[in-house]
Amino acid sequence: MIKPGSPYPYIVASVDRALELLLILGRNPQAMGVTELGKLLNVQKSTVHSLLQTLLAKGFVQQNEAGRYMLGLRLMHLGTLCSERIDIKMIARPLMIELAQQTQEIAMLAILSREELIIIEKVEPQRPFFIIPKFDFSITLHSTAMGKLLLANADESVQARVLERGIAQYTAYTITDRHVLEQELTKVRCQGFAMGCNETIEGITCIAVPVYNAGGEVTAALSVSSASSTMNEQKRKSILQILREKARSISEGQGYPAVD
């Protein structure tokens, strides 16, 4: 829900609530009932029911046999259209295929959108690999390599809002102290890459580097994820070198000046 002091002053409350319903349904893998949704949204059941019926009519939600609600297939169509229109994906995809094959690890591309981490592309190597469990990475800006990289290069106001909303602990290795996290973000900016080792999901280490646009702004994070048990210093240096090469090529594809 939009809070007082939001940078978006012209908000239609009913539309805001409807969109929040979709976000809630997206964060929960199971179908949900009106009562449950009403409590999470903090509105009356009648209001939730009306919103859901409107979304149902447009195909944005659907009901199961028990009458509970889940995301509708219309969203899949819109998501596909949105993904197809992000140029960076078309530039990055072939380079990420190379990255995944050269490292034999999972390659991902993420952006920062509305103070959330959004993974817009993922490429897996053509071999048996470890499985990354299903996880909502949207609020892991403080614990993933991609998130720390994007947060470190975001405006100070964005950083402040993200840190003020709370720092969730996912594992024993997650940085939850704000001062320590701020030091980590400074380190990331200085060294030009980020690492997340067992901080979001135990057993997984991720390395991320920045992707720049024509104006020299960091627009995305390119990463490689590997099993922590295999990530020794030699492998880390090798992956980081390949990551930087691919990120530079993606950046140049967006108009960033080529390095002689």
Foldseek 3Di string as FASTA:
>chain_A
DDDPPDPDPPDDVLVVLLVVLQVVLVQDPDFADLVVSCVVSVHDSVSSVVSVVVCVVVQQWDADPVRTIHGGPVVVVVLVVVLVPPVLCVQQVVLQQVLCAVLVFKKWKWFQDPLFIGTSDIDHHPDDADDDDDDRRGLVLQAAFFSLLNLLQDDPVSVVVSVVVAQDFQDPPADRDPVVSNVQSVVCVVVQKGKHACRHPHQKIKIWGFAAAQVRGGGMIMMTMHGNVPDDPVSVVVSVVSRVVSSLSSNVVRNHDHDD
